[in-house]
Amino acid sequence: MSVSLEKLRALKAEAGGPALRGPTQAPAPLADAVRLPARPASHSVEALRKILGLREKALAVPHPRKPIDRQVPGEEIAPGLRLIEARLPMPAPDYQLSLAFAKRHGDSVDPRHLLFFDTETTGLAGGTGTRAFMIGAADWHHDPQHGDGLRVRQLLITTMAAEAAMLEAFSGWLQEKPTVLSSYNGRCYDSPLLKTRYRLARKHDPITPLDHVDLLFPTRRRYRGTWENCRLATIERELLRIVREDDLPGSQAPAAWLDYLRGGSARNLRRVAAHNHQDVVTLALLMLRLAEVEAAGEEVVGFVESP
């Protein structure tokens, strides 16, 4: 049984549904169509991440960089040249010091004329390419405010160009009074090195005319064979009972200075200054000890070695 198209349309209209359109009828406008809401792009990306099993990585928050420690001790007395000063409550002996311990029988020296000195250099081999970047000196000095004591002065250059100013300043110290130099192996190392630097800087050499008491040789004559060696650190520990804390070995001094020049930290450079300070103080104590032992007539220990 066939039902005509007109009959179907009539039945649909009676049921309340939309009327069927004929084949010639225009399609419904787009506005009448049912539209689905567009899916946000973020939802699609998140779904893709879940499918792939990815996890959102937390962004690393960079820590603020700590400023480099560039604090150098002392005060600047010329461009690139710093002076470090300290005083120790150690009055000068009130008597002439005999130099018999140095095989100079009959010779003596006024303690106030002594200048104990030590250098820190860019290398241990010497030669014209090696320079001193620090000169430390200790002497007995009367200060109007603080009275008698051991004065420690150190010259430190923080630029290559300041070497000439350092040499001038040290020359001035040597001319303040009748000066007798004292060192530990300075006759063979520190003095020749400084003389070379004065010559290369075309400056007058103030060191050659001065008397020089090198404490290494009398120390070796008296104590060689008693301890493992006669290095200054060994002598001060065994003979003077001085124990250093947080001491930077002298072999590391060149690296500490060069690292500072290249923009590095000044921490090890301050340790170099502390090491140099103790060296010149030890020289003063060692001379007093050697003179005391010689005056007491104590027997020589170990082997005898000529200077």
Protein backbone atom coordinates (compact mmCIF):
# COMPACT_ATOMS: atom_id res chain seq x y z
CA MET A 1 0.00 0.00 0.00
CA SER A 2 1.51 3.22 -1.06
CA VAL A 3 1.20 6.51 0.75
CA SER A 4 1.48 9.67 -1.21
CA LEU A 5 3.99 12.38 -0.34
CA GLU A 6 1.22 14.83 0.35
CA LYS A 7 -0.34 12.42 2.85
CA LEU A 8 2.97 12.07 4.73
CA ARG A 9 3.27 15.80 4.97
CA ALA A 10 -0.17 16.11 6.37
CA LEU A 11 0.47 13.42 8.98
CA LYS A 12 3.71 15.12 10.05
CA ALA A 13 2.02 18.46 10.42
CA GLU A 14 -0.70 16.94 12.61
CA ALA A 15 1.97 15.41 14.89
CA GLY A 16 3.49 18.89 15.47
CA GLY A 17 6.91 18.16 13.86
CA PRO A 18 8.61 20.32 11.30
CA ALA A 19 7.12 20.18 7.89
CA LEU A 20 8.93 18.23 5.26
CA ARG A 21 10.41 20.36 2.57
CA GLY A 22 10.18 19.48 -1.00
CA PRO A 23 13.10 18.98 -3.24
CA THR A 24 12.76 22.49 -4.65
CA GLN A 25 12.67 24.14 -1.26
CA ALA A 26 15.83 26.11 -0.25
CA PRO A 27 17.99 24.70 2.57
CA ALA A 28 17.52 26.09 6.03
CA PRO A 29 19.60 29.19 6.83
CA LEU A 30 22.93 28.66 8.67
CA ALA A 31 21.60 30.53 11.65
CA ASP A 32 18.95 27.89 12.11
CA ALA A 33 21.54 25.07 12.36
CA VAL A 34 22.66 23.76 15.75
CA ARG A 35 26.21 25.00 16.48
CA LEU A 36 28.63 23.20 18.87
CA PRO A 37 30.90 25.43 21.01
CA ALA A 38 34.51 25.49 19.75
CA ARG A 39 36.98 23.60 21.98
CA PRO A 40 39.66 25.89 23.41
CA ALA A 41 43.15 25.24 22.00
CA SER A 42 44.54 24.82 25.55
CA HIS A 43 42.20 21.89 26.11
CA SER A 44 43.48 20.20 23.00
CA VAL A 45 47.14 20.71 23.99
CA GLU A 46 46.46 19.43 27.49
CA ALA A 47 44.71 16.37 26.13
CA LEU A 48 47.62 15.71 23.81
CA ARG A 49 50.05 15.93 26.69
CA LYS A 50 48.04 13.45 28.69
CA ILE A 51 47.95 11.07 25.76
CA LEU A 52 51.69 11.27 25.30
CA GLY A 53 52.31 10.96 29.03
CA LEU A 54 54.17 14.25 29.26
CA ARG A 55 54.55 16.27 32.44
CA GLU A 56 54.88 19.98 32.70
CA LYS A 57 58.40 20.79 33.80
CA ALA A 58 58.79 23.31 36.54
CA LEU A 59 60.77 26.32 35.46
CA ALA A 60 64.03 26.65 37.44
CA VAL A 61 64.22 30.00 39.16
CA PRO A 62 67.81 31.26 38.87
CA HIS A 63 69.44 32.17 42.19
CA PRO A 64 70.87 35.66 42.42
CA ARG A 65 74.63 35.52 41.86
CA LYS A 66 76.69 36.35 44.93
CA PRO A 67 78.99 39.34 44.50
CA ILE A 68 82.68 38.48 44.23
CA ASP A 69 84.70 39.29 47.34
CA ARG A 70 87.12 42.01 46.20
CA GLN A 71 87.92 43.51 49.60
CA VAL A 72 91.66 44.11 49.83
CA PRO A 73 93.24 45.02 53.20
CA GLY A 74 94.96 48.32 53.92
CA GLU A 75 94.57 51.79 52.44
CA GLU A 76 95.48 52.99 48.99
CA ILE A 77 98.47 55.35 49.16
CA ALA A 78 99.00 55.52 45.38
CA PRO A 79 97.04 54.23 42.39
CA GLY A 80 97.11 50.44 42.72
CA LEU A 81 99.36 50.48 45.82
CA ARG A 82 98.03 49.64 49.28
CA LEU A 83 99.67 50.00 52.68
CA ILE A 84 98.78 47.59 55.48
CA GLU A 85 99.96 48.55 58.97
CA ALA A 86 99.82 46.79 62.34
CA ARG A 87 101.52 47.09 65.70
CA LEU A 88 102.42 44.39 68.19
CA PRO A 89 102.99 45.09 71.92
CA MET A 90 106.58 43.88 71.78
CA PRO A 91 109.01 46.51 73.10
CA ALA A 92 112.47 46.72 71.63
CA PRO A 93 115.34 45.18 73.64
CA ASP A 94 117.14 47.84 75.68
CA TYR A 95 120.58 46.51 74.79
CA GLN A 96 122.74 45.97 71.73
CA LEU A 97 122.17 42.64 70.02
CA SER A 98 125.36 40.65 69.53
CA LEU A 99 125.87 39.17 66.07
CA ALA A 100 128.16 36.42 67.32
CA PHE A 101 125.48 33.88 66.37
CA ALA A 102 126.12 34.91 62.73
CA LYS A 103 129.89 34.39 63.09
CA ARG A 104 130.39 38.13 63.44
CA HIS A 105 132.17 38.14 66.76
CA GLY A 106 132.59 41.58 68.21
CA ASP A 107 129.78 43.03 66.07
CA SER A 108 126.48 44.18 67.50
CA VAL A 109 123.47 46.08 66.27
CA ASP A 110 120.98 48.53 67.74
CA PRO A 111 117.61 46.67 67.65
CA ARG A 112 115.91 49.85 66.40
CA HIS A 113 118.09 49.84 63.30
CA LEU A 114 116.93 46.39 62.22
CA LEU A 115 114.41 46.02 59.40
CA PHE A 116 113.12 42.47 58.98
CA PHE A 117 111.74 42.00 55.49
CA ASP A 118 110.20 39.36 53.24
CA THR A 119 108.64 39.42 49.78
CA GLU A 120 105.78 37.60 48.07
CA THR A 121 106.51 37.13 44.38
CA THR A 122 104.98 35.92 41.14
CA GLY A 123 107.28 32.89 41.05
CA LEU A 124 109.93 31.02 42.98
CA ALA A 125 112.48 30.59 40.19
CA GLY A 126 113.60 34.21 40.10
CA GLY A 127 114.81 35.90 36.93
CA THR A 128 113.81 39.14 35.25
CA GLY A 129 110.26 37.90 34.67
CA THR A 130 109.61 37.46 38.40
CA ARG A 131 108.42 40.43 40.38
CA ALA A 132 107.41 41.10 43.96
CA PHE A 133 103.76 42.00 44.43
CA MET A 134 104.10 42.38 48.21
CA ILE A 135 106.91 43.57 50.48
CA GLY A 136 106.53 43.11 54.21
CA ALA A 137 108.76 44.72 56.82
CA ALA A 138 108.88 44.80 60.62
CA ASP A 139 110.89 47.09 62.88
CA TRP A 140 110.90 48.29 66.47
CA HIS A 141 109.34 51.69 66.52
CA HIS A 142 108.25 54.19 69.16
CA ASP A 143 104.82 55.60 68.50
CA PRO A 144 103.79 58.78 70.38
CA GLN A 145 100.36 57.33 71.11
CA HIS A 146 101.03 53.61 71.52
CA GLY A 147 104.59 53.62 72.82
CA ASP A 148 107.20 51.00 71.94
CA GLY A 149 106.24 48.03 69.82
CA LEU A 150 106.97 46.03 66.72
CA ARG A 151 105.62 47.85 63.70
CA VAL A 152 104.59 45.73 60.71
CA ARG A 153 104.14 47.44 57.35
CA GLN A 154 103.22 45.76 54.09
CA LEU A 155 103.10 47.12 50.56
CA LEU A 156 100.71 45.39 48.16
CA ILE A 157 100.21 46.20 44.49
CA THR A 158 96.85 45.46 42.90
CA THR A 159 97.92 46.46 39.38
CA MET A 160 101.08 45.82 37.41
CA ALA A 161 101.59 49.54 36.91
CA ALA A 162 101.92 50.15 40.67
CA GLU A 163 105.27 48.36 40.98
CA ALA A 164 107.29 51.57 40.59
CA ALA A 165 105.34 53.23 43.39
CA MET A 166 105.94 50.21 45.65
CA LEU A 167 109.69 50.32 45.01
CA GLU A 168 109.75 54.04 45.83
CA ALA A 169 107.86 53.49 49.07
CA PHE A 170 110.15 50.68 50.20
CA SER A 171 113.20 52.76 49.35
CA GLY A 172 111.84 55.46 51.63
CA TRP A 173 111.55 52.98 54.52
CA LEU A 174 115.20 52.00 54.09
CA GLN A 175 116.29 55.60 54.40
CA GLU A 176 114.27 56.51 57.50
CA LYS A 177 117.17 55.58 59.81
CA PRO A 178 120.49 53.72 59.79
CA THR A 179 119.12 50.41 58.53
CA VAL A 180 120.41 46.86 58.93
CA LEU A 181 118.41 44.39 56.87
CA SER A 182 117.48 40.98 58.21
CA SER A 183 115.76 38.15 56.34
CA TYR A 184 115.53 34.39 55.95
CA ASN A 185 117.34 33.47 52.74
CA GLY A 186 116.86 37.05 51.60
CA ARG A 187 120.51 37.44 50.69
CA CYS A 188 120.12 34.77 47.99
CA TYR A 189 116.53 35.42 46.89
CA ASP A 190 114.65 38.53 48.07
CA SER A 191 117.51 41.04 47.79
CA PRO A 192 118.68 40.01 44.29
CA LEU A 193 115.08 40.01 43.07
CA LEU A 194 114.40 43.53 44.38
CA LYS A 195 117.71 44.80 43.03
CA THR A 196 116.72 43.52 39.60
CA ARG A 197 113.34 45.24 39.80
CA TYR A 198 114.98 48.54 40.81
CA ARG A 199 117.37 48.22 37.88
CA LEU A 200 114.59 47.40 35.39
CA ALA A 201 112.57 50.37 36.69
CA ARG A 202 115.68 52.57 36.22
CA LYS A 203 115.70 53.49 39.88
CA HIS A 204 118.49 53.80 42.40
CA ASP A 205 119.24 50.54 44.22
CA PRO A 206 118.92 51.27 47.95
CA ILE A 207 119.65 47.69 49.08
CA THR A 208 123.25 47.04 48.06
CA PRO A 209 124.85 49.61 50.41
CA LEU A 210 123.07 48.21 53.49
CA ASP A 211 124.33 45.62 55.96
CA HIS A 212 122.34 42.40 55.80
CA VAL A 213 122.01 39.69 58.46
CA ASP A 214 120.53 36.57 56.88
CA LEU A 215 119.15 34.31 59.61
CA LEU A 216 118.98 31.17 57.45
CA PHE A 217 122.68 30.35 57.70
CA PRO A 218 123.14 30.62 61.49
CA THR A 219 119.90 28.69 61.94
CA ARG A 220 121.19 25.89 59.74
CA ARG A 221 124.51 25.76 61.54
CA ARG A 222 122.85 25.38 64.90
CA TYR A 223 119.79 23.25 64.18
CA ARG A 224 120.45 21.28 61.01
CA GLY A 225 119.80 17.61 61.72
CA THR A 226 117.61 18.37 64.74
CA TRP A 227 114.39 18.58 62.72
CA GLU A 228 113.36 17.36 59.28
CA ASN A 229 114.39 20.64 57.64
CA CYS A 230 115.21 24.25 58.40
CA ARG A 231 112.32 25.90 56.64
CA LEU A 232 111.03 28.96 58.44
CA ALA A 233 107.69 27.29 59.20
CA THR A 234 109.52 24.35 60.80
CA ILE A 235 111.80 26.59 62.85
CA GLU A 236 108.96 28.70 64.18
CA ARG A 237 106.96 25.61 65.12
CA GLU A 238 109.79 23.65 66.76
CA LEU A 239 111.95 26.43 68.18
CA LEU A 240 109.56 29.33 68.75
CA ARG A 241 106.42 27.23 69.40
CA ILE A 242 104.36 29.20 66.92
CA VAL A 243 101.52 27.33 65.21
CA ARG A 244 99.83 29.01 62.28
CA GLU A 245 96.12 28.61 61.62
CA ASP A 246 94.58 28.72 58.14
CA ASP A 247 97.99 29.53 56.69
CA LEU A 248 98.26 29.74 52.92
CA PRO A 249 101.51 28.10 51.74
CA GLY A 250 103.91 30.50 50.06
CA SER A 251 103.82 28.38 46.90
CA GLN A 252 100.16 29.36 46.42
CA ALA A 253 100.78 33.10 46.75
CA PRO A 254 101.43 33.73 43.02
CA ALA A 255 98.14 32.06 42.03
CA ALA A 256 96.22 34.06 44.65
CA TRP A 257 97.52 37.37 43.32
CA LEU A 258 97.08 36.52 39.64
CA ASP A 259 93.54 35.28 40.30
CA TYR A 260 92.71 38.62 41.93
CA LEU A 261 94.15 40.55 38.97
CA ARG A 262 91.86 38.56 36.66
CA GLY A 263 88.79 39.63 38.62
CA GLY A 264 88.67 36.78 41.14
CA SER A 265 88.12 36.79 44.87
CA ALA A 266 90.46 38.60 47.27
CA ARG A 267 90.05 35.98 50.01
CA ASN A 268 93.31 34.16 49.31
CA LEU A 269 95.10 37.45 48.76
CA ARG A 270 94.20 38.41 52.33
CA ARG A 271 95.62 35.06 53.45
CA VAL A 272 98.84 35.88 51.60
CA ALA A 273 99.04 39.15 53.54
CA ALA A 274 98.51 37.27 56.83
CA HIS A 275 101.23 34.77 55.87
CA ASN A 276 103.67 37.58 55.05
CA HIS A 277 102.81 39.39 58.30
CA GLN A 278 103.67 36.31 60.35
CA ASP A 279 106.91 35.79 58.42
CA VAL A 280 108.39 39.16 59.36
CA VAL A 281 107.22 38.85 62.98
CA THR A 282 108.87 35.42 63.16
CA LEU A 283 112.14 36.91 61.88
CA ALA A 284 112.25 39.36 64.80
CA LEU A 285 111.54 36.59 67.31
CA LEU A 286 114.09 34.30 65.69
CA MET A 287 116.89 36.87 65.88
CA LEU A 288 116.21 37.41 69.58
CA ARG A 289 116.21 33.66 70.13
CA LEU A 290 119.50 33.09 68.26
CA ALA A 291 121.20 35.90 70.14
CA GLU A 292 119.89 34.53 73.45
CA VAL A 293 121.09 30.99 72.71
CA GLU A 294 124.52 32.25 71.67
CA ALA A 295 124.87 34.39 74.79
CA ALA A 296 123.90 31.43 76.97
CA GLY A 297 126.67 29.37 75.39
CA GLU A 298 124.41 26.48 74.39
CA GLU A 299 126.10 23.79 72.34
CA VAL A 300 125.58 23.70 68.62
CA VAL A 301 123.22 20.93 67.59
CA GLY A 302 123.61 19.05 64.33
CA PHE A 303 126.12 19.54 61.59
CA VAL A 304 128.16 22.64 60.99
CA GLU A 305 127.60 24.29 57.64
CA SER A 306 129.47 27.26 56.31
CA PRO A 307 127.42 30.04 54.82
